[in-house]
Amino acid sequence: MKRLAYVLATWFGCGRSPIAPGTVGTFGALPLYFAIRGGGPWVVLAAAVVITAVGIWAAGVVADTSGNHDPQIVVIDEVAGVLIALAAAHSTLGIVLAVGLFRLFDITKPFPARRAEKLPRGWGIVVDDLVAGVYAAAVVAVVP
């Protein structure tokens, strides 16, 4: 189970990128998004919910195993967060903005994202990215 947690937490290796693993993980979510977006925004949000649940578990396992509170290799949180942002996209511009704004909000951690990082184990790793996704989605939703 530990091996499965690492595969999922690193989003199939995206998190092992030596440069910008969070950005690589964000882009790693795009194949899943393009595969499911035809089902509509509710399907994309449902995927984000499932990935969130799995991500909390997997991130917690990696954090416990590594002894690191928020290991850089964990990027499943980026996948869950950007899917929330992408659920609001209605155009190519919306997709580009969803990804860009998600990364901006993930890096800057607007309230309450910084507080969410203090949650225990996998919760703190994942929930701050959900906040970033919601902020990005709020902006993207008004883009035609």
Protein backbone atom coordinates (compact mmCIF):
# COMPACT_ATOMS: atom_id res chain seq x y z
CA MET A 1 0.00 0.00 0.00
CA LYS A 2 2.92 2.33 0.65
CA ARG A 3 4.08 1.94 -2.95
CA LEU A 4 0.59 2.76 -4.23
CA ALA A 5 0.50 5.83 -1.98
CA TYR A 6 3.79 7.06 -3.48
CA VAL A 7 2.64 6.47 -7.06
CA LEU A 8 -0.58 8.38 -6.47
CA ALA A 9 0.91 11.13 -4.27
CA THR A 10 3.57 11.86 -6.91
CA TRP A 11 0.86 11.63 -9.60
CA PHE A 12 2.61 8.83 -11.46
CA GLY A 13 6.04 10.41 -11.07
CA CYS A 14 5.26 14.06 -11.87
CA GLY A 15 6.28 15.04 -8.35
CA ARG A 16 9.74 13.61 -8.87
CA SER A 17 10.58 16.34 -11.36
CA PRO A 18 13.76 18.10 -10.20
CA ILE A 19 12.40 21.44 -11.41
CA ALA A 20 8.99 22.86 -10.37
CA PRO A 21 7.32 19.59 -9.31
CA GLY A 22 4.10 21.46 -8.39
CA THR A 23 3.83 22.91 -11.87
CA VAL A 24 4.63 19.54 -13.44
CA GLY A 25 1.94 17.96 -11.26
CA THR A 26 -0.53 20.63 -12.34
CA PHE A 27 0.19 19.91 -16.01
CA GLY A 28 0.02 16.20 -15.19
CA ALA A 29 -3.67 16.69 -14.36
CA LEU A 30 -4.48 17.87 -17.89
CA PRO A 31 -4.72 14.41 -19.55
CA LEU A 32 -7.31 13.41 -16.95
CA TYR A 33 -9.18 16.69 -17.43
CA PHE A 34 -9.28 16.32 -21.22
CA ALA A 35 -10.45 12.71 -20.85
CA ILE A 36 -13.41 13.58 -18.60
CA ARG A 37 -14.40 17.16 -19.48
CA GLY A 38 -16.94 15.94 -22.04
CA GLY A 39 -19.03 14.79 -19.07
CA GLY A 40 -19.38 18.39 -17.96
CA PRO A 41 -18.25 20.37 -14.94
CA TRP A 42 -19.96 18.08 -12.42
CA VAL A 43 -17.91 15.12 -13.65
CA VAL A 44 -14.72 17.18 -13.33
CA LEU A 45 -15.73 18.20 -9.80
CA ALA A 46 -16.55 14.60 -8.93
CA ALA A 47 -13.08 13.59 -10.06
CA ALA A 48 -11.63 16.36 -7.88
CA VAL A 49 -13.55 14.98 -4.89
CA VAL A 50 -12.28 11.43 -5.48
CA ILE A 51 -8.71 12.65 -5.99
CA THR A 52 -8.99 14.76 -2.86
CA ALA A 53 -9.99 11.76 -0.75
CA VAL A 54 -7.28 9.56 -2.23
CA GLY A 55 -4.80 12.44 -2.02
CA ILE A 56 -5.37 13.03 1.69
CA TRP A 57 -4.59 9.38 2.35
CA ALA A 58 -1.61 9.15 -0.04
CA ALA A 59 -0.09 12.47 1.05
CA GLY A 60 -0.40 11.41 4.68
CA VAL A 61 1.41 8.15 4.00
CA VAL A 62 4.24 9.93 2.18
CA ALA A 63 4.51 12.61 4.89
CA ASP A 64 4.64 9.96 7.63
CA THR A 65 7.12 7.79 5.75
CA SER A 66 9.43 10.64 4.80
CA GLY A 67 9.19 12.47 8.12
CA ASN A 68 8.50 15.66 6.15
CA HIS A 69 5.32 17.63 6.96
CA ASP A 70 4.80 18.71 3.31
CA PRO A 71 7.05 16.73 0.93
CA GLN A 72 7.68 18.46 -2.40
CA ILE A 73 7.20 15.20 -4.27
CA VAL A 74 3.51 15.14 -3.31
CA VAL A 75 1.59 16.71 -6.19
CA ILE A 76 -1.78 14.93 -6.08
CA ASP A 77 -2.94 18.03 -4.21
CA GLU A 78 -2.20 20.10 -7.32
CA VAL A 79 -4.25 17.67 -9.38
CA ALA A 80 -7.29 18.01 -7.10
CA GLY A 81 -6.96 21.79 -6.91
CA VAL A 82 -6.51 22.45 -10.61
CA LEU A 83 -9.46 20.19 -11.45
CA ILE A 84 -11.65 22.48 -9.33
CA ALA A 85 -10.37 25.46 -11.32
CA LEU A 86 -10.78 23.64 -14.63
CA ALA A 87 -14.38 22.71 -13.82
CA ALA A 88 -15.21 26.40 -14.29
CA ALA A 89 -13.48 26.68 -17.69
CA HIS A 90 -15.72 27.17 -20.73
CA SER A 91 -13.09 27.91 -23.38
CA THR A 92 -9.44 27.52 -24.26
CA LEU A 93 -8.79 30.86 -22.59
CA GLY A 94 -10.59 29.57 -19.51
CA ILE A 95 -8.38 26.48 -19.41
CA VAL A 96 -5.21 28.56 -19.69
CA LEU A 97 -6.43 30.96 -17.00
CA ALA A 98 -7.52 28.08 -14.73
CA VAL A 99 -4.04 26.57 -14.81
CA GLY A 100 -2.22 29.90 -14.49
CA LEU A 101 -4.41 31.31 -11.74
CA PHE A 102 -4.36 28.03 -9.86
CA ARG A 103 -0.54 28.11 -9.82
CA LEU A 104 -0.58 31.77 -8.74
CA PHE A 105 -2.99 31.13 -5.86
CA ASP A 106 -1.21 27.90 -4.91
CA ILE A 107 2.08 29.78 -4.59
CA THR A 108 0.74 32.92 -2.89
CA LYS A 109 -1.64 31.04 -0.55
CA PRO A 110 -4.44 33.61 -0.05
CA PHE A 111 -6.60 33.31 3.06
CA PRO A 112 -7.50 30.70 4.29
CA ALA A 113 -5.00 28.56 2.34
CA ARG A 114 -2.04 29.38 4.60
CA ARG A 115 -4.10 28.33 7.63
CA ALA A 116 -5.19 25.13 5.90
CA GLU A 117 -1.54 24.07 5.64
CA LYS A 118 -1.55 23.70 9.41
CA LEU A 119 -4.13 20.91 9.30
CA PRO A 120 -2.74 17.49 10.26
CA ARG A 121 -1.06 15.06 7.88
CA GLY A 122 -2.52 14.76 4.39
CA TRP A 123 -5.28 17.26 5.15
CA GLY A 124 -2.82 20.15 5.43
CA ILE A 125 -1.05 19.10 2.26
CA VAL A 126 -4.22 18.89 0.17
CA VAL A 127 -6.71 21.44 1.50
CA ASP A 128 -4.61 24.55 0.77
CA ASP A 129 -4.62 23.53 -2.91
CA LEU A 130 -8.39 23.15 -2.84
CA VAL A 131 -8.62 26.74 -1.64
CA ALA A 132 -6.36 27.83 -4.53
CA GLY A 133 -8.60 25.90 -6.92
CA VAL A 134 -11.75 27.58 -5.61
CA TYR A 135 -10.19 31.04 -5.95
CA ALA A 136 -9.08 30.27 -9.51
CA ALA A 137 -12.50 28.84 -10.38
CA ALA A 138 -14.21 31.98 -9.11
CA VAL A 139 -12.21 34.09 -11.55
CA VAL A 140 -12.43 31.64 -14.45
CA ALA A 141 -16.20 31.31 -14.09
CA VAL A 142 -16.67 34.85 -15.40
CA VAL A 143 -14.51 34.27 -18.49
CA PRO A 144 -16.54 33.56 -21.66
